[in-house]
N, C-alpha and C. Protein backbone atom coordinates (compact mmCIF):
# COMPACT_ATOMS: atom_id res chain seq x y z
N MET A 1 0.85 -1.20 0.00
CA MET A 1 0.00 0.00 0.00
C MET A 1 0.88 1.24 0.00
N ALA A 2 0.52 2.21 -0.81
CA ALA A 2 1.29 3.45 -0.86
C ALA A 2 1.10 4.23 0.42
N THR A 3 2.17 4.87 0.89
CA THR A 3 2.07 5.70 2.08
C THR A 3 1.50 7.05 1.70
N VAL A 4 1.15 7.85 2.72
CA VAL A 4 0.61 9.19 2.45
C VAL A 4 1.63 10.03 1.70
N ASN A 5 2.92 9.89 2.06
CA ASN A 5 3.94 10.69 1.38
C ASN A 5 4.03 10.32 -0.09
N GLU A 6 3.88 9.02 -0.38
CA GLU A 6 3.91 8.61 -1.78
C GLU A 6 2.72 9.16 -2.54
N VAL A 7 1.58 9.21 -1.87
CA VAL A 7 0.40 9.79 -2.49
C VAL A 7 0.61 11.27 -2.76
N ASP A 8 1.20 11.98 -1.79
CA ASP A 8 1.42 13.41 -1.94
C ASP A 8 2.22 13.74 -3.19
N ALA A 9 3.23 12.90 -3.48
CA ALA A 9 4.14 13.22 -4.57
C ALA A 9 3.42 13.37 -5.90
N GLY A 10 2.35 12.61 -6.08
CA GLY A 10 1.67 12.68 -7.36
C GLY A 10 0.35 13.39 -7.32
N GLY A 11 -0.03 13.93 -6.16
CA GLY A 11 -1.30 14.62 -6.06
C GLY A 11 -2.46 13.70 -6.41
N LEU A 12 -3.48 14.25 -6.99
CA LEU A 12 -4.67 13.48 -7.31
C LEU A 12 -4.45 12.46 -8.43
N GLU A 13 -3.32 12.55 -9.11
CA GLU A 13 -3.05 11.60 -10.20
C GLU A 13 -2.24 10.41 -9.71
N ALA A 14 -1.97 10.33 -8.42
CA ALA A 14 -1.08 9.29 -7.89
C ALA A 14 -1.84 8.00 -7.61
N GLY A 15 -2.28 7.35 -8.66
CA GLY A 15 -2.86 6.03 -8.52
C GLY A 15 -4.28 5.98 -7.99
N PHE A 16 -4.99 7.09 -7.95
CA PHE A 16 -6.38 7.07 -7.49
C PHE A 16 -7.30 6.69 -8.63
N SER A 17 -8.30 5.89 -8.30
CA SER A 17 -9.33 5.58 -9.29
C SER A 17 -10.18 6.82 -9.52
N SER A 18 -10.97 6.79 -10.59
CA SER A 18 -11.81 7.95 -10.89
C SER A 18 -12.82 8.20 -9.78
N VAL A 19 -13.30 7.13 -9.14
CA VAL A 19 -14.27 7.29 -8.05
C VAL A 19 -13.62 7.96 -6.86
N LYS A 20 -12.41 7.54 -6.52
CA LYS A 20 -11.73 8.13 -5.36
C LYS A 20 -11.37 9.59 -5.63
N LYS A 21 -11.00 9.92 -6.86
CA LYS A 21 -10.75 11.31 -7.21
C LYS A 21 -12.01 12.14 -7.03
N GLN A 22 -13.14 11.58 -7.47
CA GLN A 22 -14.41 12.30 -7.34
C GLN A 22 -14.76 12.50 -5.87
N ILE A 23 -14.49 11.50 -5.04
CA ILE A 23 -14.75 11.63 -3.60
C ILE A 23 -13.92 12.77 -3.02
N LEU A 24 -12.64 12.80 -3.33
CA LEU A 24 -11.75 13.82 -2.78
C LEU A 24 -12.16 15.22 -3.24
N LEU A 25 -12.51 15.34 -4.52
CA LEU A 25 -12.93 16.65 -5.04
C LEU A 25 -14.26 17.08 -4.43
N THR A 26 -15.17 16.13 -4.24
CA THR A 26 -16.46 16.46 -3.62
C THR A 26 -16.27 16.93 -2.19
N LEU A 27 -15.43 16.25 -1.44
CA LEU A 27 -15.16 16.65 -0.06
C LEU A 27 -14.47 18.01 -0.01
N LYS A 28 -13.61 18.27 -0.99
CA LYS A 28 -12.94 19.57 -1.02
C LYS A 28 -13.94 20.69 -1.26
N ARG A 29 -14.91 20.44 -2.11
CA ARG A 29 -15.88 21.48 -2.44
C ARG A 29 -16.99 21.60 -1.39
N ARG A 30 -17.42 20.50 -0.84
CA ARG A 30 -18.62 20.52 0.01
C ARG A 30 -18.33 20.40 1.49
N GLY A 31 -17.12 19.99 1.86
CA GLY A 31 -16.83 19.80 3.28
C GLY A 31 -17.44 18.50 3.77
N ALA A 32 -17.79 18.43 5.06
CA ALA A 32 -18.31 17.20 5.65
C ALA A 32 -19.59 16.75 4.93
N ILE A 33 -19.65 15.45 4.65
CA ILE A 33 -20.79 14.91 3.91
C ILE A 33 -21.10 13.52 4.45
N SER A 34 -22.36 13.19 4.48
CA SER A 34 -22.77 11.88 5.00
C SER A 34 -22.52 10.80 3.95
N LEU A 35 -22.50 9.57 4.42
CA LEU A 35 -22.30 8.44 3.51
C LEU A 35 -23.42 8.38 2.48
N SER A 36 -24.64 8.64 2.93
CA SER A 36 -25.78 8.58 2.01
C SER A 36 -25.68 9.64 0.92
N ASP A 37 -25.30 10.85 1.32
CA ASP A 37 -25.20 11.93 0.34
C ASP A 37 -24.05 11.67 -0.64
N MET A 38 -22.95 11.13 -0.14
CA MET A 38 -21.82 10.83 -1.03
C MET A 38 -22.21 9.71 -2.00
N SER A 39 -22.96 8.72 -1.49
CA SER A 39 -23.41 7.62 -2.34
C SER A 39 -24.29 8.16 -3.47
N ALA A 40 -25.16 9.11 -3.14
CA ALA A 40 -26.03 9.70 -4.15
C ALA A 40 -25.21 10.52 -5.15
N GLU A 41 -24.18 11.21 -4.65
CA GLU A 41 -23.31 12.01 -5.53
C GLU A 41 -22.58 11.12 -6.52
N LEU A 42 -22.12 9.95 -6.05
CA LEU A 42 -21.34 9.04 -6.90
C LEU A 42 -22.23 8.13 -7.75
N ARG A 43 -23.50 8.02 -7.34
CA ARG A 43 -24.45 7.13 -8.02
C ARG A 43 -24.03 5.67 -7.94
N ILE A 44 -23.52 5.31 -6.76
CA ILE A 44 -23.20 3.91 -6.48
C ILE A 44 -23.77 3.58 -5.11
N SER A 45 -23.76 2.32 -4.74
CA SER A 45 -24.36 1.91 -3.47
C SER A 45 -23.58 2.45 -2.28
N LYS A 46 -24.25 2.49 -1.13
CA LYS A 46 -23.59 2.95 0.09
C LYS A 46 -22.46 2.00 0.48
N MET A 47 -22.64 0.71 0.26
CA MET A 47 -21.60 -0.26 0.58
C MET A 47 -20.34 -0.01 -0.25
N ALA A 48 -20.54 0.23 -1.57
CA ALA A 48 -19.39 0.49 -2.44
C ALA A 48 -18.73 1.81 -2.06
N THR A 49 -19.55 2.81 -1.73
CA THR A 49 -19.01 4.10 -1.31
C THR A 49 -18.18 3.95 -0.05
N LEU A 50 -18.69 3.18 0.91
CA LEU A 50 -17.98 2.98 2.17
C LEU A 50 -16.63 2.30 1.96
N LYS A 51 -16.56 1.37 1.01
CA LYS A 51 -15.29 0.71 0.72
C LYS A 51 -14.25 1.72 0.25
N HIS A 52 -14.66 2.63 -0.64
CA HIS A 52 -13.74 3.67 -1.10
C HIS A 52 -13.34 4.60 0.05
N MET A 53 -14.31 4.94 0.88
CA MET A 53 -14.03 5.81 2.03
C MET A 53 -13.04 5.15 2.99
N ASN A 54 -13.21 3.85 3.22
CA ASN A 54 -12.32 3.13 4.12
C ASN A 54 -10.88 3.15 3.62
N VAL A 55 -10.72 3.03 2.30
CA VAL A 55 -9.37 3.07 1.71
C VAL A 55 -8.74 4.44 1.93
N LEU A 56 -9.50 5.49 1.62
CA LEU A 56 -8.99 6.85 1.78
C LEU A 56 -8.74 7.18 3.24
N GLU A 57 -9.58 6.64 4.12
CA GLU A 57 -9.38 6.84 5.55
C GLU A 57 -8.11 6.13 6.01
N GLY A 58 -7.86 4.95 5.46
CA GLY A 58 -6.66 4.20 5.80
C GLY A 58 -5.39 4.90 5.36
N LYS A 59 -5.48 5.68 4.30
CA LYS A 59 -4.33 6.45 3.82
C LYS A 59 -4.15 7.75 4.60
N GLY A 60 -5.06 8.02 5.52
CA GLY A 60 -4.96 9.25 6.30
C GLY A 60 -5.44 10.49 5.57
N LEU A 61 -6.23 10.31 4.52
CA LEU A 61 -6.68 11.45 3.72
C LEU A 61 -8.10 11.89 4.07
N VAL A 62 -8.85 11.00 4.69
CA VAL A 62 -10.24 11.27 5.05
C VAL A 62 -10.45 10.96 6.53
N GLU A 63 -11.26 11.77 7.18
CA GLU A 63 -11.59 11.55 8.59
C GLU A 63 -13.09 11.31 8.73
N ARG A 64 -13.44 10.54 9.76
CA ARG A 64 -14.84 10.20 10.00
C ARG A 64 -15.31 10.82 11.32
N SER A 65 -16.53 11.30 11.33
CA SER A 65 -17.12 11.82 12.56
C SER A 65 -18.57 11.35 12.61
N PHE A 66 -19.20 11.49 13.78
CA PHE A 66 -20.56 11.01 13.94
C PHE A 66 -21.43 12.12 14.52
N LYS A 67 -22.65 12.24 14.01
CA LYS A 67 -23.59 13.23 14.51
C LYS A 67 -24.93 12.57 14.78
N ALA A 68 -25.49 12.93 15.92
CA ALA A 68 -26.80 12.38 16.28
C ALA A 68 -27.85 12.91 15.32
N GLY A 69 -28.76 12.04 14.90
CA GLY A 69 -29.79 12.45 13.96
C GLY A 69 -31.16 11.97 14.35
N GLY A 70 -31.54 12.22 15.60
CA GLY A 70 -32.85 11.75 16.04
C GLY A 70 -32.78 10.30 16.48
N ARG A 71 -33.75 9.51 16.08
CA ARG A 71 -33.77 8.10 16.47
C ARG A 71 -32.67 7.31 15.77
N GLY A 72 -32.30 6.23 16.41
CA GLY A 72 -31.32 5.35 15.78
C GLY A 72 -29.90 5.75 16.06
N ARG A 73 -28.98 5.09 15.38
CA ARG A 73 -27.56 5.33 15.57
C ARG A 73 -27.15 6.66 14.96
N PRO A 74 -26.10 7.28 15.50
CA PRO A 74 -25.60 8.53 14.92
C PRO A 74 -25.16 8.31 13.47
N ARG A 75 -25.32 9.34 12.65
CA ARG A 75 -24.93 9.26 11.24
C ARG A 75 -23.44 9.53 11.10
N ALA A 76 -22.82 8.80 10.20
CA ALA A 76 -21.39 8.99 9.94
C ALA A 76 -21.20 10.08 8.88
N PHE A 77 -20.27 10.98 9.14
CA PHE A 77 -19.92 12.02 8.19
C PHE A 77 -18.43 11.92 7.88
N PHE A 78 -18.06 12.29 6.66
CA PHE A 78 -16.67 12.21 6.23
C PHE A 78 -16.18 13.59 5.80
N ASN A 79 -14.92 13.84 6.09
CA ASN A 79 -14.30 15.12 5.73
C ASN A 79 -12.84 14.87 5.37
N LEU A 80 -12.24 15.81 4.65
CA LEU A 80 -10.82 15.69 4.33
C LEU A 80 -9.99 15.93 5.58
N SER A 81 -8.88 15.22 5.70
CA SER A 81 -7.94 15.44 6.79
C SER A 81 -6.91 16.48 6.37
N LYS A 82 -6.11 16.92 7.32
CA LYS A 82 -5.05 17.88 7.00
C LYS A 82 -4.03 17.27 6.04
N ASN A 83 -3.86 15.95 6.10
CA ASN A 83 -2.90 15.29 5.21
C ASN A 83 -3.28 15.42 3.74
N SER A 84 -4.54 15.71 3.47
CA SER A 84 -5.00 15.78 2.08
C SER A 84 -4.60 17.08 1.40
N ALA A 85 -4.13 18.06 2.18
CA ALA A 85 -3.87 19.39 1.61
C ALA A 85 -2.90 19.34 0.43
N THR A 86 -1.89 18.46 0.53
CA THR A 86 -0.88 18.42 -0.52
C THR A 86 -1.35 17.73 -1.79
N LEU A 87 -2.58 17.17 -1.78
CA LEU A 87 -3.11 16.58 -3.00
C LEU A 87 -3.59 17.65 -3.98
N PHE A 88 -3.79 18.85 -3.47
CA PHE A 88 -4.35 19.93 -4.28
C PHE A 88 -3.27 20.95 -4.59
N PRO A 89 -3.43 21.73 -5.67
CA PRO A 89 -2.37 22.65 -6.11
C PRO A 89 -1.89 23.56 -4.99
N GLU A 90 -0.56 23.68 -4.85
CA GLU A 90 0.03 24.53 -3.84
C GLU A 90 0.92 25.61 -4.42
N ALA A 91 1.04 25.63 -5.74
CA ALA A 91 1.77 26.71 -6.43
C ALA A 91 3.21 26.85 -5.95
N TYR A 92 3.95 25.72 -5.91
CA TYR A 92 5.37 25.76 -5.56
C TYR A 92 5.60 26.52 -4.25
N THR A 93 4.85 26.14 -3.23
CA THR A 93 4.83 26.89 -1.98
C THR A 93 6.20 27.07 -1.36
N HIS A 94 6.94 26.01 -1.21
CA HIS A 94 8.22 26.10 -0.49
C HIS A 94 9.18 27.04 -1.19
N MET A 95 9.33 26.87 -2.51
CA MET A 95 10.24 27.73 -3.26
C MET A 95 9.80 29.18 -3.21
N THR A 96 8.49 29.40 -3.32
CA THR A 96 7.97 30.76 -3.29
C THR A 96 8.24 31.43 -1.95
N LEU A 97 7.99 30.70 -0.87
CA LEU A 97 8.22 31.27 0.46
C LEU A 97 9.69 31.59 0.69
N CYS A 98 10.57 30.72 0.24
CA CYS A 98 12.01 30.98 0.37
C CYS A 98 12.39 32.26 -0.37
N ALA A 99 11.87 32.41 -1.59
CA ALA A 99 12.19 33.60 -2.38
C ALA A 99 11.64 34.86 -1.73
N LEU A 100 10.40 34.81 -1.25
CA LEU A 100 9.79 35.98 -0.64
C LEU A 100 10.47 36.35 0.69
N ASN A 101 10.84 35.34 1.46
CA ASN A 101 11.57 35.62 2.70
C ASN A 101 12.92 36.26 2.42
N PHE A 102 13.58 35.81 1.37
CA PHE A 102 14.88 36.38 1.00
C PHE A 102 14.72 37.84 0.59
N ILE A 103 13.68 38.11 -0.22
CA ILE A 103 13.43 39.49 -0.66
C ILE A 103 13.11 40.38 0.54
N GLU A 104 12.29 39.87 1.45
CA GLU A 104 11.93 40.67 2.64
C GLU A 104 13.17 40.97 3.49
N GLU A 105 14.03 39.98 3.63
CA GLU A 105 15.24 40.16 4.45
C GLU A 105 16.18 41.18 3.83
N LYS A 106 16.33 41.14 2.51
CA LYS A 106 17.30 42.00 1.83
C LYS A 106 16.74 43.37 1.48
N LEU A 107 15.45 43.43 1.10
CA LEU A 107 14.89 44.68 0.57
C LEU A 107 13.71 45.22 1.36
N GLY A 108 13.20 44.45 2.31
CA GLY A 108 12.08 44.91 3.11
C GLY A 108 10.75 44.37 2.61
N ARG A 109 9.73 44.47 3.46
CA ARG A 109 8.42 43.93 3.14
C ARG A 109 7.75 44.66 1.98
N ASP A 110 8.03 45.95 1.83
CA ASP A 110 7.46 46.70 0.71
C ASP A 110 7.86 46.09 -0.63
N ALA A 111 9.07 45.55 -0.69
CA ALA A 111 9.55 44.93 -1.92
C ALA A 111 8.74 43.67 -2.23
N VAL A 112 8.36 42.94 -1.18
CA VAL A 112 7.52 41.75 -1.37
C VAL A 112 6.16 42.15 -1.95
N VAL A 113 5.57 43.20 -1.39
CA VAL A 113 4.27 43.66 -1.88
C VAL A 113 4.38 44.11 -3.33
N ARG A 114 5.47 44.81 -3.67
CA ARG A 114 5.65 45.25 -5.06
C ARG A 114 5.76 44.05 -5.99
N LEU A 115 6.44 43.00 -5.54
CA LEU A 115 6.56 41.79 -6.36
C LEU A 115 5.20 41.13 -6.55
N LEU A 116 4.41 41.04 -5.48
CA LEU A 116 3.07 40.46 -5.59
C LEU A 116 2.21 41.25 -6.56
N LYS A 117 2.31 42.57 -6.50
CA LYS A 117 1.53 43.42 -7.41
C LYS A 117 2.01 43.26 -8.85
N GLN A 118 3.32 43.10 -9.03
CA GLN A 118 3.85 42.90 -10.39
C GLN A 118 3.32 41.60 -10.98
N ARG A 119 3.28 40.54 -10.15
CA ARG A 119 2.76 39.26 -10.62
C ARG A 119 1.28 39.38 -10.96
N ALA A 120 0.52 40.10 -10.11
CA ALA A 120 -0.90 40.31 -10.38
C ALA A 120 -1.10 41.06 -11.69
N GLN A 121 -0.23 42.04 -11.96
CA GLN A 121 -0.33 42.80 -13.20
C GLN A 121 -0.07 41.92 -14.41
N GLU A 122 0.88 40.97 -14.27
CA GLU A 122 1.16 40.05 -15.37
C GLU A 122 -0.07 39.18 -15.68
N VAL A 123 -0.73 38.70 -14.62
CA VAL A 123 -1.95 37.90 -14.81
C VAL A 123 -3.03 38.76 -15.46
N LEU A 124 -3.14 40.01 -15.00
CA LEU A 124 -4.12 40.94 -15.56
C LEU A 124 -3.87 41.17 -17.05
N ASP A 125 -2.63 41.47 -17.42
CA ASP A 125 -2.29 41.74 -18.81
C ASP A 125 -2.52 40.52 -19.70
N ALA A 126 -2.23 39.34 -19.15
CA ALA A 126 -2.34 38.11 -19.94
C ALA A 126 -3.79 37.72 -20.21
N ASN A 127 -4.71 38.22 -19.38
CA ASN A 127 -6.10 37.78 -19.49
C ASN A 127 -7.09 38.87 -19.85
N ARG A 128 -6.62 40.08 -20.13
CA ARG A 128 -7.53 41.17 -20.46
C ARG A 128 -8.46 40.82 -21.61
N ASN A 129 -7.90 40.20 -22.65
CA ASN A 129 -8.69 39.92 -23.84
C ASN A 129 -9.72 38.82 -23.64
N ARG A 130 -9.65 38.11 -22.51
CA ARG A 130 -10.61 37.05 -22.23
C ARG A 130 -11.89 37.60 -21.63
N ILE A 131 -11.88 38.85 -21.20
CA ILE A 131 -13.03 39.42 -20.50
C ILE A 131 -13.87 40.24 -21.47
N PRO A 132 -15.01 39.72 -21.94
CA PRO A 132 -15.87 40.45 -22.88
C PRO A 132 -16.82 41.39 -22.14
N GLY A 133 -18.12 41.29 -22.39
CA GLY A 133 -19.09 42.16 -21.73
C GLY A 133 -19.23 41.83 -20.25
N LEU A 134 -19.84 42.74 -19.52
CA LEU A 134 -19.95 42.60 -18.07
C LEU A 134 -20.61 41.30 -17.65
N LYS A 135 -21.66 40.89 -18.39
CA LYS A 135 -22.41 39.71 -17.97
C LYS A 135 -21.56 38.44 -17.99
N ASP A 136 -20.49 38.45 -18.76
CA ASP A 136 -19.64 37.25 -18.84
C ASP A 136 -18.37 37.36 -17.99
N ARG A 137 -18.17 38.49 -17.36
CA ARG A 137 -16.89 38.71 -16.68
C ARG A 137 -16.65 37.79 -15.51
N VAL A 138 -17.67 37.64 -14.69
CA VAL A 138 -17.49 36.78 -13.52
C VAL A 138 -17.22 35.34 -13.95
N GLY A 139 -17.96 34.87 -14.96
CA GLY A 139 -17.74 33.52 -15.46
C GLY A 139 -16.34 33.31 -15.99
N GLU A 140 -15.80 34.31 -16.68
CA GLU A 140 -14.44 34.20 -17.21
C GLU A 140 -13.42 34.25 -16.07
N LEU A 141 -13.69 35.08 -15.07
CA LEU A 141 -12.79 35.14 -13.91
C LEU A 141 -12.74 33.79 -13.21
N VAL A 142 -13.89 33.15 -13.07
CA VAL A 142 -13.95 31.83 -12.46
C VAL A 142 -13.10 30.83 -13.25
N LYS A 143 -13.18 30.89 -14.57
CA LYS A 143 -12.38 29.99 -15.40
C LYS A 143 -10.88 30.23 -15.20
N ILE A 144 -10.50 31.51 -15.15
CA ILE A 144 -9.09 31.86 -14.95
C ILE A 144 -8.58 31.33 -13.61
N ARG A 145 -9.39 31.53 -12.57
CA ARG A 145 -8.99 31.07 -11.24
C ARG A 145 -8.98 29.55 -11.16
N ASP A 146 -9.93 28.90 -11.81
CA ASP A 146 -9.97 27.45 -11.81
C ASP A 146 -8.73 26.87 -12.48
N GLU A 147 -8.29 27.51 -13.56
CA GLU A 147 -7.08 27.09 -14.25
C GLU A 147 -5.85 27.24 -13.35
N GLY A 148 -5.92 28.17 -12.40
CA GLY A 148 -4.81 28.38 -11.48
C GLY A 148 -4.84 27.48 -10.27
N GLY A 149 -5.80 26.56 -10.21
CA GLY A 149 -5.85 25.61 -9.12
C GLY A 149 -6.70 26.02 -7.94
N TYR A 150 -7.53 27.06 -8.09
CA TYR A 150 -8.32 27.56 -6.98
C TYR A 150 -9.67 26.85 -6.82
N MET A 151 -9.99 25.94 -7.71
CA MET A 151 -11.27 25.21 -7.67
C MET A 151 -12.41 26.20 -7.51
N ALA A 152 -12.47 27.16 -8.42
CA ALA A 152 -13.45 28.25 -8.34
C ALA A 152 -14.76 27.87 -9.01
N GLU A 153 -15.83 28.51 -8.56
CA GLU A 153 -17.14 28.33 -9.18
C GLU A 153 -18.00 29.55 -8.89
N VAL A 154 -18.99 29.76 -9.74
CA VAL A 154 -19.95 30.82 -9.52
C VAL A 154 -20.96 30.35 -8.49
N GLY A 155 -21.22 31.18 -7.48
CA GLY A 155 -22.19 30.83 -6.45
C GLY A 155 -23.54 31.47 -6.73
N ASN A 156 -24.17 31.94 -5.70
CA ASN A 156 -25.48 32.57 -5.85
C ASN A 156 -25.37 33.89 -6.61
N ALA A 157 -26.37 34.20 -7.38
CA ALA A 157 -26.42 35.46 -8.12
C ALA A 157 -27.71 36.20 -7.77
N ARG A 158 -27.56 37.45 -7.36
CA ARG A 158 -28.71 38.30 -7.08
C ARG A 158 -28.60 39.54 -7.96
N LYS A 159 -29.53 40.43 -7.83
CA LYS A 159 -29.51 41.64 -8.63
C LYS A 159 -28.24 42.44 -8.32
N ASN A 160 -27.41 42.61 -9.34
CA ASN A 160 -26.18 43.41 -9.25
C ASN A 160 -25.10 42.79 -8.37
N VAL A 161 -25.31 41.57 -7.87
CA VAL A 161 -24.30 40.91 -7.03
C VAL A 161 -24.16 39.46 -7.46
N VAL A 162 -22.91 39.04 -7.73
CA VAL A 162 -22.63 37.64 -8.08
C VAL A 162 -21.59 37.12 -7.10
N GLU A 163 -21.80 35.91 -6.63
CA GLU A 163 -20.90 35.29 -5.66
C GLU A 163 -19.90 34.40 -6.38
N MET A 164 -18.61 34.52 -6.01
CA MET A 164 -17.59 33.61 -6.52
C MET A 164 -16.98 32.86 -5.34
N LEU A 165 -16.90 31.54 -5.45
CA LEU A 165 -16.36 30.70 -4.40
C LEU A 165 -15.08 30.04 -4.86
N GLU A 166 -14.09 29.99 -3.99
CA GLU A 166 -12.84 29.28 -4.27
C GLU A 166 -12.62 28.26 -3.16
N HIS A 167 -12.60 26.99 -3.54
CA HIS A 167 -12.53 25.91 -2.56
C HIS A 167 -11.10 25.49 -2.24
N ASN A 168 -10.14 25.97 -2.98
CA ASN A 168 -8.74 25.65 -2.71
C ASN A 168 -7.90 26.91 -2.80
N CYS A 169 -6.90 27.02 -1.93
CA CYS A 169 -6.01 28.18 -1.94
C CYS A 169 -4.58 27.70 -2.22
N PRO A 170 -4.12 27.75 -3.47
CA PRO A 170 -2.77 27.30 -3.80
C PRO A 170 -1.68 28.11 -3.12
N ILE A 171 -2.00 29.34 -2.70
CA ILE A 171 -1.00 30.21 -2.08
C ILE A 171 -1.24 30.33 -0.58
N MET A 172 -1.85 29.30 0.02
CA MET A 172 -2.21 29.34 1.44
C MET A 172 -1.03 29.70 2.32
N ALA A 173 0.10 29.01 2.15
CA ALA A 173 1.26 29.26 3.00
C ALA A 173 1.81 30.67 2.79
N VAL A 174 1.75 31.15 1.55
CA VAL A 174 2.21 32.51 1.26
C VAL A 174 1.29 33.52 1.94
N ALA A 175 -0.02 33.31 1.83
CA ALA A 175 -0.99 34.24 2.41
C ALA A 175 -0.90 34.27 3.93
N GLU A 176 -0.55 33.13 4.54
CA GLU A 176 -0.40 33.10 5.99
C GLU A 176 0.75 33.97 6.44
N MET A 177 1.83 33.98 5.67
CA MET A 177 3.01 34.75 6.04
C MET A 177 2.95 36.18 5.50
N PHE A 178 2.33 36.33 4.33
CA PHE A 178 2.21 37.65 3.69
C PHE A 178 0.74 37.89 3.36
N PRO A 179 -0.07 38.29 4.34
CA PRO A 179 -1.51 38.50 4.10
C PRO A 179 -1.80 39.56 3.04
N GLU A 180 -0.81 40.38 2.71
CA GLU A 180 -1.00 41.36 1.64
C GLU A 180 -1.36 40.69 0.32
N ALA A 181 -0.98 39.42 0.16
CA ALA A 181 -1.26 38.71 -1.09
C ALA A 181 -2.75 38.66 -1.39
N CYS A 182 -3.57 38.51 -0.34
CA CYS A 182 -5.03 38.44 -0.55
C CYS A 182 -5.57 39.76 -1.08
N GLY A 183 -5.07 40.87 -0.53
CA GLY A 183 -5.52 42.19 -0.99
C GLY A 183 -5.09 42.46 -2.42
N VAL A 184 -3.88 42.01 -2.76
CA VAL A 184 -3.38 42.20 -4.12
C VAL A 184 -4.25 41.43 -5.12
N GLU A 185 -4.63 40.22 -4.77
CA GLU A 185 -5.48 39.42 -5.67
C GLU A 185 -6.86 40.06 -5.84
N ARG A 186 -7.43 40.55 -4.73
CA ARG A 186 -8.75 41.19 -4.82
C ARG A 186 -8.69 42.42 -5.72
N GLU A 187 -7.61 43.21 -5.60
CA GLU A 187 -7.44 44.39 -6.46
C GLU A 187 -7.31 43.99 -7.92
N MET A 188 -6.62 42.87 -8.14
CA MET A 188 -6.47 42.37 -9.51
C MET A 188 -7.82 41.97 -10.09
N PHE A 189 -8.68 41.32 -9.26
CA PHE A 189 -10.02 40.96 -9.71
C PHE A 189 -10.76 42.21 -10.19
N GLN A 190 -10.73 43.26 -9.38
CA GLN A 190 -11.46 44.48 -9.68
C GLN A 190 -10.98 45.11 -10.99
N ASN A 191 -9.66 45.12 -11.18
CA ASN A 191 -9.11 45.70 -12.40
C ASN A 191 -9.44 44.86 -13.63
N LEU A 192 -9.50 43.54 -13.43
CA LEU A 192 -9.73 42.64 -14.56
C LEU A 192 -11.18 42.66 -15.03
N ILE A 193 -12.12 42.67 -14.10
CA ILE A 193 -13.53 42.57 -14.49
C ILE A 193 -14.30 43.88 -14.33
N HIS A 194 -13.58 44.95 -13.93
CA HIS A 194 -14.20 46.28 -13.80
C HIS A 194 -15.45 46.21 -12.92
N ALA A 195 -15.29 45.68 -11.74
CA ALA A 195 -16.40 45.55 -10.79
C ALA A 195 -15.85 45.70 -9.38
N ASP A 196 -16.73 45.96 -8.44
CA ASP A 196 -16.34 46.04 -7.03
C ASP A 196 -16.35 44.65 -6.44
N VAL A 197 -15.28 44.29 -5.73
CA VAL A 197 -15.15 42.95 -5.17
C VAL A 197 -14.95 43.04 -3.66
N GLU A 198 -15.80 42.34 -2.94
CA GLU A 198 -15.70 42.29 -1.47
C GLU A 198 -15.40 40.85 -1.05
N THR A 199 -14.43 40.70 -0.16
CA THR A 199 -14.10 39.38 0.36
C THR A 199 -14.85 39.17 1.67
N SER A 200 -15.75 38.19 1.72
CA SER A 200 -16.52 37.95 2.95
C SER A 200 -16.01 36.77 3.75
N HIS A 201 -15.34 35.82 3.10
CA HIS A 201 -14.77 34.66 3.78
C HIS A 201 -13.40 34.36 3.18
N ARG A 202 -12.48 33.89 4.02
CA ARG A 202 -11.14 33.56 3.54
C ARG A 202 -10.68 32.25 4.18
N VAL A 203 -10.13 31.36 3.36
CA VAL A 203 -9.60 30.10 3.86
C VAL A 203 -8.46 30.35 4.84
N VAL A 204 -7.62 31.33 4.54
CA VAL A 204 -6.47 31.61 5.38
C VAL A 204 -6.89 32.09 6.77
N ALA A 205 -8.13 32.58 6.89
CA ALA A 205 -8.65 33.04 8.19
C ALA A 205 -9.42 31.94 8.90
N GLY A 206 -9.42 30.74 8.32
CA GLY A 206 -10.09 29.61 8.96
C GLY A 206 -11.44 29.26 8.38
N ASP A 207 -11.90 30.01 7.39
CA ASP A 207 -13.17 29.69 6.75
C ASP A 207 -13.01 28.49 5.81
N PRO A 208 -14.06 27.74 5.55
CA PRO A 208 -13.95 26.57 4.67
C PRO A 208 -13.79 26.92 3.19
N VAL A 209 -14.05 28.18 2.84
CA VAL A 209 -14.00 28.59 1.44
C VAL A 209 -13.68 30.08 1.36
N CYS A 210 -13.05 30.50 0.28
CA CYS A 210 -12.89 31.92 0.02
C CYS A 210 -14.14 32.38 -0.75
N ARG A 211 -14.81 33.41 -0.25
CA ARG A 211 -16.07 33.86 -0.84
C ARG A 211 -15.95 35.34 -1.20
N PHE A 212 -16.26 35.63 -2.46
CA PHE A 212 -16.18 36.99 -2.96
C PHE A 212 -17.56 37.43 -3.44
N LEU A 213 -17.94 38.65 -3.07
CA LEU A 213 -19.17 39.25 -3.55
C LEU A 213 -18.81 40.30 -4.59
N ILE A 214 -19.23 40.08 -5.81
CA ILE A 214 -18.85 40.92 -6.94
C ILE A 214 -20.05 41.76 -7.35
N ARG A 215 -19.89 43.07 -7.27
CA ARG A 215 -21.00 44.00 -7.52
C ARG A 215 -20.75 44.81 -8.79
N ARG A 216 -21.82 45.03 -9.51
CA ARG A 216 -21.76 45.80 -10.73
C ARG A 216 -21.26 47.21 -10.43
N ARG A 217 -20.36 47.69 -11.25
CA ARG A 217 -19.85 49.06 -11.13
C ARG A 217 -20.36 49.87 -12.31
N SER A 218 -20.87 51.06 -12.04
CA SER A 218 -21.40 51.91 -13.11
C SER A 218 -20.25 52.60 -13.82
N LEU A 219 -19.89 52.02 -14.95
CA LEU A 219 -18.79 52.56 -15.74
C LEU A 219 -19.24 52.78 -17.18
N PRO A 220 -18.68 53.75 -17.88
CA PRO A 220 -19.01 53.94 -19.28
C PRO A 220 -18.75 52.66 -20.08
N GLY A 221 -19.70 52.26 -20.88
CA GLY A 221 -19.51 51.10 -21.72
C GLY A 221 -20.02 49.82 -21.10
N ASP A 222 -20.39 49.84 -19.76
CA ASP A 222 -20.90 48.62 -19.14
C ASP A 222 -22.35 48.40 -19.54
């Protein structure tokens, strides 16, 4: 049996079946989920689902908890463990942190912020032409972020407000040490889609998801 470290090396492509990949991605997006709900998501029996869960639990990637649900035995719920974090994109975390720490030591923290802003500008310049009319901007932003490993999706949409959710933070370790990175990304969103962006939840602050509220901005041509 492969160890957790061996699994980490290859991420989600390290010998997982398609069903196990779907389980891991579902848990990443939805958080704790019951066996019944996961079985319905996978469209296989609860017994077959439990076998897959047991394997992932044995690898230390999934944790089990129990919640009382009225009469009968408590219901089993499954969630990702901390060991699963390295299965998802981390954006060369160790190398990036070493470089940023070196820059901070030699040139100061302002230099780190300038570098983060320069990188955001490069992303902005590279993707300007992908953003058409306002109604498509949020959808295109979600695609851009999803390509970057953020597991992004469009959430609820109300009048003049669209929700964007990011279930993975590839720069988690960077954001923990340099929280300015989150502000730089939010500013980049605003410049890219010409809209006001508010961050209501952040993974780095302990929330299960990064949640952005994107509001229409009254600009010429919108």
